[in-house]
Each structure stands twice: as structure tokens, then as C-alpha cells.
Amino acid sequence: MASSRTSRDASDDPRLDPRDEADLHAWAERLDASPDELREAAAAVGHRIADIELHLKGSRASANSERVERELKERP
């Protein structure tokens, strides 16, 4: 009997297991984030690495824009 799985491999849709310390630290290094940031992102958007990465990029972008705004206001 043929499998109902598509030809997509599981590695095409990697997921984070926030309870697995080795997995957490490996992804933290690959995504240049702390394990706590990954846990927070997974809680916010789920365990798909693609979603976590987009969430991290979005939060970094907003943090960066806030920092730039603050620095511009502090200039004489």
C-alpha cells in the first residue's frame, strides 16, 4: 500500500522541540538567538523553525527601529 506522505521530506519542515536542550541549543546557534528567545518564539508562533525564524526577524526589526528612534531623539 502506498504511503499517504507526500514526497516532501521531514527535513523540509523542521521543528523545534523546546524541551530538548540539545535541539534548543543547536537551533539557537543556527538562528543566532538565545534558547530563551527560541522558547518565547515557539510559544508565540508554534514549533516550525520557519515560523520561529520569521518571528525572531520581526521582533529584532522592531527592536532595531525602536533603538534607532531613541538614538535620533537623543541627538543634539
PDB file of N, CA and C in Angstrom:
ATOM      1  N   MET A   1       0.843  -1.176   0.000  1.00  0.00           N
ATOM      2  CA  MET A   1       0.000   0.000   0.000  1.00  0.00           C
ATOM      3  C   MET A   1       0.891   1.243   0.000  1.00  0.00           C
ATOM      4  N   ALA A   2       0.526   2.218  -0.770  1.00  0.00           N
ATOM      5  CA  ALA A   2       1.315   3.450  -0.874  1.00  0.00           C
ATOM      6  C   ALA A   2       1.110   4.307   0.361  1.00  0.00           C
ATOM      7  N   SER A   3       2.159   4.999   0.723  1.00  0.00           N
ATOM      8  CA  SER A   3       2.102   5.887   1.882  1.00  0.00           C
ATOM      9  C   SER A   3       1.330   7.150   1.529  1.00  0.00           C
ATOM     10  N   SER A   4       0.655   7.704   2.515  1.00  0.00           N
ATOM     11  CA  SER A   4      -0.087   8.943   2.273  1.00  0.00           C
ATOM     12  C   SER A   4       0.806  10.170   2.377  1.00  0.00           C
ATOM     13  N   ARG A   5       2.073   9.956   2.757  1.00  0.00           N
ATOM     14  CA  ARG A   5       3.012  11.084   2.830  1.00  0.00           C
ATOM     15  C   ARG A   5       3.336  11.601   1.446  1.00  0.00           C
ATOM     16  N   THR A   6       3.557  12.866   1.369  1.00  0.00           N
ATOM     17  CA  THR A   6       3.973  13.448   0.102  1.00  0.00           C
ATOM     18  C   THR A   6       5.453  13.202  -0.077  1.00  0.00           C
ATOM     19  N   SER A   7       5.998  13.667  -1.164  1.00  0.00           N
ATOM     20  CA  SER A   7       7.420  13.471  -1.420  1.00  0.00           C
ATOM     21  C   SER A   7       8.286  14.411  -0.586  1.00  0.00           C
ATOM     22  N   ARG A   8       7.641  15.342   0.103  1.00  0.00           N
ATOM     23  CA  ARG A   8       8.411  16.242   0.973  1.00  0.00           C
ATOM     24  C   ARG A   8       9.024  15.454   2.107  1.00  0.00           C
ATOM     25  N   ASP A   9      10.255  15.693   2.348  1.00  0.00           N
ATOM     26  CA  ASP A   9      10.961  15.059   3.442  1.00  0.00           C
ATOM     27  C   ASP A   9      10.693  15.828   4.727  1.00  0.00           C
ATOM     28  N   ALA A  10      10.782  15.170   5.854  1.00  0.00           N
ATOM     29  CA  ALA A  10      10.558  15.843   7.138  1.00  0.00           C
ATOM     30  C   ALA A  10      11.540  16.983   7.353  1.00  0.00           C
ATOM     31  N   SER A  11      12.724  16.906   6.756  1.00  0.00           N
ATOM     32  CA  SER A  11      13.708  17.980   6.912  1.00  0.00           C
ATOM     33  C   SER A  11      13.286  19.247   6.179  1.00  0.00           C
ATOM     34  N   ASP A  12      12.292  19.151   5.290  1.00  0.00           N
ATOM     35  CA  ASP A  12      11.774  20.332   4.595  1.00  0.00           C
ATOM     36  C   ASP A  12      10.970  21.221   5.543  1.00  0.00           C
ATOM     37  N   ASP A  13      10.534  20.670   6.657  1.00  0.00           N
ATOM     38  CA  ASP A  13       9.695  21.400   7.605  1.00  0.00           C
ATOM     39  C   ASP A  13      10.203  21.129   9.025  1.00  0.00           C
ATOM     40  N   PRO A  14      11.439  21.570   9.307  1.00  0.00           N
ATOM     41  CA  PRO A  14      11.994  21.262  10.629  1.00  0.00           C
ATOM     42  C   PRO A  14      11.230  21.958  11.744  1.00  0.00           C
ATOM     43  N   ARG A  15      11.223  21.308  12.888  1.00  0.00           N
ATOM     44  CA  ARG A  15      10.506  21.821  14.056  1.00  0.00           C
ATOM     45  C   ARG A  15      11.429  21.827  15.263  1.00  0.00           C
ATOM     46  N   LEU A  16      11.163  22.735  16.161  1.00  0.00           N
ATOM     47  CA  LEU A  16      11.910  22.859  17.399  1.00  0.00           C
ATOM     48  C   LEU A  16      11.192  22.100  18.497  1.00  0.00           C
ATOM     49  N   ASP A  17      11.958  21.355  19.271  1.00  0.00           N
ATOM     50  CA  ASP A  17      11.406  20.741  20.483  1.00  0.00           C
ATOM     51  C   ASP A  17      11.992  21.516  21.653  1.00  0.00           C
ATOM     52  N   PRO A  18      11.254  22.484  22.209  1.00  0.00           N
ATOM     53  CA  PRO A  18      11.798  23.339  23.259  1.00  0.00           C
ATOM     54  C   PRO A  18      12.122  22.598  24.555  1.00  0.00           C
ATOM     55  N   ARG A  19      11.680  21.351  24.686  1.00  0.00           N
ATOM     56  CA  ARG A  19      12.015  20.560  25.878  1.00  0.00           C
ATOM     57  C   ARG A  19      13.318  19.796  25.700  1.00  0.00           C
ATOM     58  N   ASP A  20      13.820  19.734  24.462  1.00  0.00           N
ATOM     59  CA  ASP A  20      15.058  19.017  24.159  1.00  0.00           C
ATOM     60  C   ASP A  20      16.208  20.035  24.156  1.00  0.00           C
ATOM     61  N   GLU A  21      17.011  20.025  25.206  1.00  0.00           N
ATOM     62  CA  GLU A  21      18.083  21.023  25.365  1.00  0.00           C
ATOM     63  C   GLU A  21      19.066  21.000  24.201  1.00  0.00           C
ATOM     64  N   ALA A  22      19.416  19.818  23.696  1.00  0.00           N
ATOM     65  CA  ALA A  22      20.360  19.729  22.576  1.00  0.00           C
ATOM     66  C   ALA A  22      19.762  20.376  21.326  1.00  0.00           C
ATOM     67  N   ASP A  23      18.494  20.093  21.059  1.00  0.00           N
ATOM     68  CA  ASP A  23      17.805  20.675  19.908  1.00  0.00           C
ATOM     69  C   ASP A  23      17.711  22.190  20.067  1.00  0.00           C
ATOM     70  N   LEU A  24      17.365  22.611  21.253  1.00  0.00           N
ATOM     71  CA  LEU A  24      17.223  24.030  21.548  1.00  0.00           C
ATOM     72  C   LEU A  24      18.538  24.777  21.321  1.00  0.00           C
ATOM     73  N   HIS A  25      19.622  24.229  21.836  1.00  0.00           N
ATOM     74  CA  HIS A  25      20.921  24.893  21.694  1.00  0.00           C
ATOM     75  C   HIS A  25      21.435  24.852  20.254  1.00  0.00           C
ATOM     76  N   ALA A  26      21.168  23.765  19.546  1.00  0.00           N
ATOM     77  CA  ALA A  26      21.589  23.676  18.142  1.00  0.00           C
ATOM     78  C   ALA A  26      20.874  24.741  17.305  1.00  0.00           C
ATOM     79  N   TRP A  27      19.547  24.870  17.498  1.00  0.00           N
ATOM     80  CA  TRP A  27      18.799  25.874  16.732  1.00  0.00           C
ATOM     81  C   TRP A  27      19.159  27.284  17.183  1.00  0.00           C
ATOM     82  N   ALA A  28      19.435  27.458  18.456  1.00  0.00           N
ATOM     83  CA  ALA A  28      19.830  28.781  18.954  1.00  0.00           C
ATOM     84  C   ALA A  28      21.094  29.241  18.245  1.00  0.00           C
ATOM     85  N   GLU A  29      22.036  28.333  18.089  1.00  0.00           N
ATOM     86  CA  GLU A  29      23.282  28.690  17.400  1.00  0.00           C
ATOM     87  C   GLU A  29      23.029  28.987  15.923  1.00  0.00           C
ATOM     88  N   ARG A  30      22.213  28.155  15.275  1.00  0.00           N
ATOM     89  CA  ARG A  30      21.939  28.349  13.846  1.00  0.00           C
ATOM     90  C   ARG A  30      21.174  29.634  13.577  1.00  0.00           C
ATOM     91  N   LEU A  31      20.281  30.011  14.501  1.00  0.00           N
ATOM     92  CA  LEU A  31      19.438  31.198  14.287  1.00  0.00           C
ATOM     93  C   LEU A  31      19.972  32.434  14.991  1.00  0.00           C
ATOM     94  N   ASP A  32      21.137  32.316  15.603  1.00  0.00           N
ATOM     95  CA  ASP A  32      21.755  33.430  16.326  1.00  0.00           C
ATOM     96  C   ASP A  32      20.779  34.030  17.333  1.00  0.00           C
ATOM     97  N   ALA A  33      20.268  33.163  18.187  1.00  0.00           N
ATOM     98  CA  ALA A  33      19.301  33.572  19.205  1.00  0.00           C
ATOM     99  C   ALA A  33      19.619  32.815  20.485  1.00  0.00           C
ATOM    100  N   SER A  34      19.086  33.292  21.568  1.00  0.00           N
ATOM    101  CA  SER A  34      19.266  32.582  22.830  1.00  0.00           C
ATOM    102  C   SER A  34      18.206  31.488  22.944  1.00  0.00           C
ATOM    103  N   PRO A  35      18.468  30.475  23.751  1.00  0.00           N
ATOM    104  CA  PRO A  35      17.442  29.460  23.983  1.00  0.00           C
ATOM    105  C   PRO A  35      16.138  30.068  24.521  1.00  0.00           C
ATOM    106  N   ASP A  36      16.244  31.062  25.379  1.00  0.00           N
ATOM    107  CA  ASP A  36      15.030  31.715  25.896  1.00  0.00           C
ATOM    108  C   ASP A  36      14.253  32.412  24.787  1.00  0.00           C
ATOM    109  N   GLU A  37      14.956  33.056  23.859  1.00  0.00           N
ATOM    110  CA  GLU A  37      14.271  33.698  22.727  1.00  0.00           C
ATOM    111  C   GLU A  37      13.538  32.657  21.892  1.00  0.00           C
ATOM    112  N   LEU A  38      14.169  31.489  21.700  1.00  0.00           N
ATOM    113  CA  LEU A  38      13.514  30.435  20.930  1.00  0.00           C
ATOM    114  C   LEU A  38      12.287  29.895  21.647  1.00  0.00           C
ATOM    115  N   ARG A  39      12.388  29.713  22.950  1.00  0.00           N
ATOM    116  CA  ARG A  39      11.226  29.246  23.717  1.00  0.00           C
ATOM    117  C   ARG A  39      10.066  30.240  23.602  1.00  0.00           C
ATOM    118  N   GLU A  40      10.381  31.529  23.742  1.00  0.00           N
ATOM    119  CA  GLU A  40       9.345  32.559  23.640  1.00  0.00           C
ATOM    120  C   GLU A  40       8.735  32.587  22.247  1.00  0.00           C
ATOM    121  N   ALA A  41       9.576  32.465  21.228  1.00  0.00           N
ATOM    122  CA  ALA A  41       9.077  32.465  19.854  1.00  0.00           C
ATOM    123  C   ALA A  41       8.191  31.246  19.598  1.00  0.00           C
ATOM    124  N   ALA A  42       8.620  30.089  20.082  1.00  0.00           N
ATOM    125  CA  ALA A  42       7.824  28.864  19.898  1.00  0.00           C
ATOM    126  C   ALA A  42       6.479  28.994  20.607  1.00  0.00           C
ATOM    127  N   ALA A  43       6.469  29.610  21.768  1.00  0.00           N
ATOM    128  CA  ALA A  43       5.211  29.815  22.492  1.00  0.00           C
ATOM    129  C   ALA A  43       4.297  30.760  21.717  1.00  0.00           C
ATOM    130  N   ALA A  44       4.886  31.716  21.003  1.00  0.00           N
ATOM    131  CA  ALA A  44       4.096  32.706  20.272  1.00  0.00           C
ATOM    132  C   ALA A  44       3.587  32.189  18.926  1.00  0.00           C
ATOM    133  N   VAL A  45       4.428  31.433  18.196  1.00  0.00           N
ATOM    134  CA  VAL A  45       4.062  31.084  16.816  1.00  0.00           C
ATOM    135  C   VAL A  45       4.051  29.590  16.521  1.00  0.00           C
ATOM    136  N   GLY A  46       4.403  28.766  17.475  1.00  0.00           N
ATOM    137  CA  GLY A  46       4.437  27.329  17.218  1.00  0.00           C
ATOM    138  C   GLY A  46       5.864  26.837  17.054  1.00  0.00           C
ATOM    139  N   HIS A  47       6.004  25.578  16.709  1.00  0.00           N
ATOM    140  CA  HIS A  47       7.322  24.942  16.725  1.00  0.00           C
ATOM    141  C   HIS A  47       7.994  24.830  15.365  1.00  0.00           C
ATOM    142  N   ARG A  48       7.355  25.294  14.296  1.00  0.00           N
ATOM    143  CA  ARG A  48       8.002  25.260  12.969  1.00  0.00           C
ATOM    144  C   ARG A  48       9.155  26.269  12.951  1.00  0.00           C
ATOM    145  N   ILE A  49      10.325  25.804  12.554  1.00  0.00           N
ATOM    146  CA  ILE A  49      11.510  26.664  12.531  1.00  0.00           C
ATOM    147  C   ILE A  49      11.300  27.861  11.610  1.00  0.00           C
ATOM    148  N   ALA A  50      10.643  27.666  10.484  1.00  0.00           N
ATOM    149  CA  ALA A  50      10.397  28.787   9.562  1.00  0.00           C
ATOM    150  C   ALA A  50       9.594  29.889  10.243  1.00  0.00           C
ATOM    151  N   ASP A  51       8.580  29.497  11.010  1.00  0.00           N
ATOM    152  CA  ASP A  51       7.750  30.485  11.713  1.00  0.00           C
ATOM    153  C   ASP A  51       8.542  31.162  12.832  1.00  0.00           C
ATOM    154  N   ILE A  52       9.335  30.375  13.537  1.00  0.00           N
ATOM    155  CA  ILE A  52      10.158  30.927  14.616  1.00  0.00           C
ATOM    156  C   ILE A  52      11.152  31.928  14.056  1.00  0.00           C
ATOM    157  N   GLU A  53      11.784  31.576  12.944  1.00  0.00           N
ATOM    158  CA  GLU A  53      12.771  32.472  12.332  1.00  0.00           C
ATOM    159  C   GLU A  53      12.124  33.792  11.900  1.00  0.00           C
ATOM    160  N   LEU A  54      10.955  33.719  11.287  1.00  0.00           N
ATOM    161  CA  LEU A  54      10.251  34.949  10.887  1.00  0.00           C
ATOM    162  C   LEU A  54       9.874  35.780  12.102  1.00  0.00           C
ATOM    163  N   HIS A  55       9.431  35.120  13.146  1.00  0.00           N
ATOM    164  CA  HIS A  55       9.072  35.834  14.375  1.00  0.00           C
ATOM    165  C   HIS A  55      10.291  36.543  14.958  1.00  0.00           C
ATOM    166  N   LEU A  56      11.421  35.845  14.998  1.00  0.00           N
ATOM    167  CA  LEU A  56      12.642  36.456  15.531  1.00  0.00           C
ATOM    168  C   LEU A  56      13.082  37.648  14.683  1.00  0.00           C
ATOM    169  N   LYS A  57      13.015  37.504  13.380  1.00  0.00           N
ATOM    170  CA  LYS A  57      13.396  38.615  12.494  1.00  0.00           C
ATOM    171  C   LYS A  57      12.481  39.810  12.701  1.00  0.00           C
ATOM    172  N   GLY A  58      11.201  39.548  12.865  1.00  0.00           N
ATOM    173  CA  GLY A  58      10.248  40.635  13.092  1.00  0.00           C
ATOM    174  C   GLY A  58      10.487  41.324  14.412  1.00  0.00           C
ATOM    175  N   SER A  59      10.761  40.565  15.451  1.00  0.00           N
ATOM    176  CA  SER A  59      10.979  41.182  16.756  1.00  0.00           C
ATOM    177  C   SER A  59      12.295  41.933  16.783  1.00  0.00           C
ATOM    178  N   ARG A  60      13.270  41.440  16.075  1.00  0.00           N
ATOM    179  CA  ARG A  60      14.555  42.153  16.012  1.00  0.00           C
ATOM    180  C   ARG A  60      14.405  43.435  15.218  1.00  0.00           C
ATOM    181  N   ALA A  61      13.607  43.388  14.159  1.00  0.00           N
ATOM    182  CA  ALA A  61      13.407  44.586  13.348  1.00  0.00           C
ATOM    183  C   ALA A  61      12.713  45.665  14.150  1.00  0.00           C
ATOM    184  N   SER A  62      11.704  45.283  14.923  1.00  0.00           N
ATOM    185  CA  SER A  62      11.009  46.299  15.709  1.00  0.00           C
ATOM    186  C   SER A  62      11.904  46.814  16.821  1.00  0.00           C
ATOM    187  N   ALA A  63      12.698  45.945  17.408  1.00  0.00           N
ATOM    188  CA  ALA A  63      13.630  46.385  18.448  1.00  0.00           C
ATOM    189  C   ALA A  63      14.664  47.328  17.852  1.00  0.00           C
ATOM    190  N   ASN A  64      15.114  47.031  16.659  1.00  0.00           N
ATOM    191  CA  ASN A  64      16.094  47.877  15.997  1.00  0.00           C
ATOM    192  C   ASN A  64      15.484  49.232  15.665  1.00  0.00           C
ATOM    193  N   SER A  65      14.261  49.258  15.164  1.00  0.00           N
ATOM    194  CA  SER A  65      13.655  50.541  14.807  1.00  0.00           C
ATOM    195  C   SER A  65      13.425  51.388  16.055  1.00  0.00           C
ATOM    196  N   GLU A  66      13.066  50.732  17.165  1.00  0.00           N
ATOM    197  CA  GLU A  66      12.899  51.468  18.419  1.00  0.00           C
ATOM    198  C   GLU A  66      14.225  52.065  18.879  1.00  0.00           C
ATOM    199  N   ARG A  67      15.295  51.300  18.740  1.00  0.00           N
ATOM    200  CA  ARG A  67      16.614  51.784  19.133  1.00  0.00           C
ATOM    201  C   ARG A  67      17.034  52.969  18.261  1.00  0.00           C
ATOM    202  N   VAL A  68      16.796  52.877  16.970  1.00  0.00           N
ATOM    203  CA  VAL A  68      17.150  53.963  16.056  1.00  0.00           C
ATOM    204  C   VAL A  68      16.360  55.219  16.407  1.00  0.00           C
ATOM    205  N   GLU A  69      15.063  55.056  16.657  1.00  0.00           N
ATOM    206  CA  GLU A  69      14.232  56.206  17.048  1.00  0.00           C
ATOM    207  C   GLU A  69      14.757  56.862  18.314  1.00  0.00           C
ATOM    208  N   ARG A  70      15.082  56.053  19.291  1.00  0.00           N
ATOM    209  CA  ARG A  70      15.583  56.563  20.569  1.00  0.00           C
ATOM    210  C   ARG A  70      16.896  57.316  20.368  1.00  0.00           C
ATOM    211  N   GLU A  71      17.775  56.765  19.550  1.00  0.00           N
ATOM    212  CA  GLU A  71      19.060  57.423  19.305  1.00  0.00           C
ATOM    213  C   GLU A  71      18.874  58.737  18.557  1.00  0.00           C
ATOM    214  N   LEU A  72      17.929  58.779  17.641  1.00  0.00           N
ATOM    215  CA  LEU A  72      17.681  60.017  16.910  1.00  0.00           C
ATOM    216  C   LEU A  72      17.146  61.107  17.829  1.00  0.00           C
ATOM    217  N   LYS A  73      16.303  60.729  18.783  1.00  0.00           N
ATOM    218  CA  LYS A  73      15.747  61.689  19.725  1.00  0.00           C
ATOM    219  C   LYS A  73      16.816  62.221  20.677  1.00  0.00           C
ATOM    220  N   GLU A  74      17.820  61.401  20.955  1.00  0.00           N
ATOM    221  CA  GLU A  74      18.860  61.797  21.906  1.00  0.00           C
ATOM    222  C   GLU A  74      19.925  62.688  21.271  1.00  0.00           C
ATOM    223  N   ARG A  75      19.931  62.804  19.955  1.00  0.00           N
ATOM    224  CA  ARG A  75      20.927  63.648  19.292  1.00  0.00           C
ATOM    225  C   ARG A  75      20.638  65.120  19.567  1.00  0.00           C
ATOM    226  N   PRO A  76      21.708  65.902  19.701  1.00  0.00           N
ATOM    227  CA  PRO A  76      21.511  67.351  19.943  1.00  0.00           C
ATOM    228  C   PRO A  76      20.951  68.092  18.744  1.00  0.00           C
TER     229      PRO A  76
END
